[in-house]
């Protein structure tokens, strides 16, 4: 009986540690993406299209780098939606469609926040 309790507690501790590590990885990726997205929208509002395009390029690169780890942790559909939104916003900037860029950027911001909330640490994520 004692050995069973030790094994159960070990499994629980390992599950909590893995869940916390996953949440931390998602939070870091989303925070970096949100920062770059805000920089892009700020630059676009100020009329600096080059800076906005550069921030969106860095956002795309950031998401690609983090995507490999995130694929192990979270829903592929959520990652695909965020990646698609980023590409949509980049395309709008390239085409000079400011209003559409702001719409797409708002959608990306919502997708990122939804991803962060979905992967937040809670007991339900342990199983």
Protein backbone atom coordinates (compact mmCIF):
# COMPACT_ATOMS: atom_id res chain seq x y z
CA UNK A 1 0.00 0.00 0.00
CA UNK A 2 2.81 2.38 0.87
CA UNK A 3 4.46 1.81 -2.50
CA UNK A 4 1.18 2.52 -4.31
CA UNK A 5 0.79 5.84 -2.51
CA UNK A 6 4.38 6.82 -3.33
CA UNK A 7 3.87 5.95 -7.00
CA UNK A 8 0.56 7.86 -7.12
CA UNK A 9 2.14 10.94 -5.54
CA UNK A 10 5.10 10.72 -7.90
CA UNK A 11 2.80 10.55 -10.92
CA UNK A 12 0.78 13.48 -9.60
CA UNK A 13 3.92 15.56 -9.00
CA UNK A 14 5.22 14.74 -12.48
CA UNK A 15 1.86 15.64 -14.04
CA UNK A 16 1.76 18.96 -12.21
CA UNK A 17 5.34 19.74 -13.26
CA UNK A 18 4.65 18.93 -16.92
CA UNK A 19 1.44 20.95 -16.93
CA UNK A 20 3.22 23.92 -15.34
CA UNK A 21 6.06 23.68 -17.86
CA UNK A 22 3.58 23.56 -20.74
CA UNK A 23 1.68 26.54 -19.39
CA UNK A 24 4.93 28.47 -19.01
CA UNK A 25 5.97 27.70 -22.59
CA UNK A 26 2.59 28.79 -23.94
CA UNK A 27 2.62 31.97 -21.85
CA UNK A 28 6.12 32.91 -23.07
CA UNK A 29 5.22 32.29 -26.71
CA UNK A 30 1.94 34.19 -26.48
CA UNK A 31 3.48 37.11 -24.55
CA UNK A 32 6.20 37.51 -27.17
CA UNK A 33 3.67 37.31 -29.98
CA UNK A 34 1.36 39.84 -28.31
CA UNK A 35 4.27 42.24 -27.83
CA UNK A 36 5.25 42.04 -31.50
CA UNK A 37 1.62 42.37 -32.62
CA UNK A 38 1.20 45.48 -30.48
CA UNK A 39 4.40 46.93 -31.97
CA UNK A 40 3.06 46.30 -35.48
CA UNK A 41 -0.33 47.88 -34.80
CA UNK A 42 1.29 50.84 -33.05
CA UNK A 43 3.58 51.41 -36.03
CA UNK A 44 0.67 51.06 -38.47
CA UNK A 45 -1.38 53.63 -36.52
CA UNK A 46 1.58 56.02 -36.69
CA UNK A 47 1.81 55.47 -40.45
CA UNK A 48 5.18 53.67 -40.35
CA UNK A 49 4.43 50.83 -42.75
CA UNK A 50 8.04 49.61 -42.85
CA UNK A 51 8.21 49.22 -39.07
CA UNK A 52 4.81 47.50 -39.06
CA UNK A 53 5.92 45.05 -41.76
CA UNK A 54 9.16 44.39 -39.87
CA UNK A 55 7.27 43.70 -36.63
CA UNK A 56 4.90 41.35 -38.44
CA UNK A 57 7.84 39.55 -40.07
CA UNK A 58 9.43 39.12 -36.63
CA UNK A 59 6.07 37.91 -35.30
CA UNK A 60 5.86 35.28 -38.03
CA UNK A 61 9.43 34.15 -37.30
CA UNK A 62 8.71 34.07 -33.55
CA UNK A 63 5.59 31.98 -34.05
CA UNK A 64 7.40 29.53 -36.35
CA UNK A 65 10.22 29.06 -33.83
CA UNK A 66 7.84 28.57 -30.91
CA UNK A 67 5.43 26.48 -32.96
CA UNK A 68 7.57 23.36 -32.80
CA UNK A 69 7.33 23.26 -29.00
CA UNK A 70 3.72 24.41 -28.92
CA UNK A 71 2.69 21.54 -31.21
CA UNK A 72 3.62 19.17 -28.37
CA UNK A 73 1.50 21.06 -25.86
CA UNK A 74 -1.61 22.49 -27.44
CA UNK A 75 -4.20 22.06 -30.15
CA UNK A 76 -2.91 22.01 -33.70
CA UNK A 77 -6.09 23.76 -34.83
CA UNK A 78 -5.47 26.70 -32.47
CA UNK A 79 -1.88 27.02 -33.68
CA UNK A 80 -3.01 26.81 -37.30
CA UNK A 81 -5.64 29.52 -36.73
CA UNK A 82 -3.11 31.84 -35.11
CA UNK A 83 -0.56 31.22 -37.88
CA UNK A 84 -3.23 31.88 -40.52
CA UNK A 85 -4.27 35.11 -38.80
CA UNK A 86 -0.66 36.29 -38.68
CA UNK A 87 -0.22 35.57 -42.38
CA UNK A 88 -3.51 37.32 -43.16
CA UNK A 89 -2.38 40.43 -41.26
CA UNK A 90 1.00 40.37 -43.02
CA UNK A 91 -0.68 40.12 -46.41
CA UNK A 92 -2.94 43.06 -45.58
CA UNK A 93 0.10 45.17 -44.72
CA UNK A 94 1.85 44.14 -47.92
CA UNK A 95 -1.21 45.17 -49.94
CA UNK A 96 -1.53 48.47 -48.10
CA UNK A 97 -4.96 47.59 -46.67
CA UNK A 98 -4.79 49.36 -43.32
CA UNK A 99 -8.33 48.73 -42.11
CA UNK A 100 -8.14 45.06 -43.02
CA UNK A 101 -4.79 44.81 -41.22
CA UNK A 102 -6.33 46.17 -38.02
CA UNK A 103 -9.21 43.69 -38.35
CA UNK A 104 -6.81 40.79 -38.87
CA UNK A 105 -4.55 41.97 -36.03
CA UNK A 106 -7.54 42.10 -33.67
CA UNK A 107 -8.41 38.56 -34.69
CA UNK A 108 -4.86 37.40 -34.00
CA UNK A 109 -4.94 39.08 -30.58
CA UNK A 110 -8.15 37.20 -29.76
CA UNK A 111 -6.69 33.90 -30.96
CA UNK A 112 -3.56 34.39 -28.87
CA UNK A 113 -5.54 35.22 -25.75
CA UNK A 114 -7.83 32.23 -26.31
CA UNK A 115 -4.78 29.98 -26.66
CA UNK A 116 -3.30 31.35 -23.42
CA UNK A 117 -6.57 30.85 -21.53
CA UNK A 118 -7.10 27.35 -22.91
CA UNK A 119 -3.67 26.22 -21.76
CA UNK A 120 -3.77 27.98 -18.38
CA UNK A 121 -2.75 25.80 -15.45
CA UNK A 122 -5.72 24.09 -13.84
CA UNK A 123 -6.54 20.63 -12.57
CA UNK A 124 -8.59 19.77 -15.65
CA UNK A 125 -5.44 20.00 -17.79
CA UNK A 126 -3.78 17.20 -15.82
CA UNK A 127 -5.77 14.49 -17.55
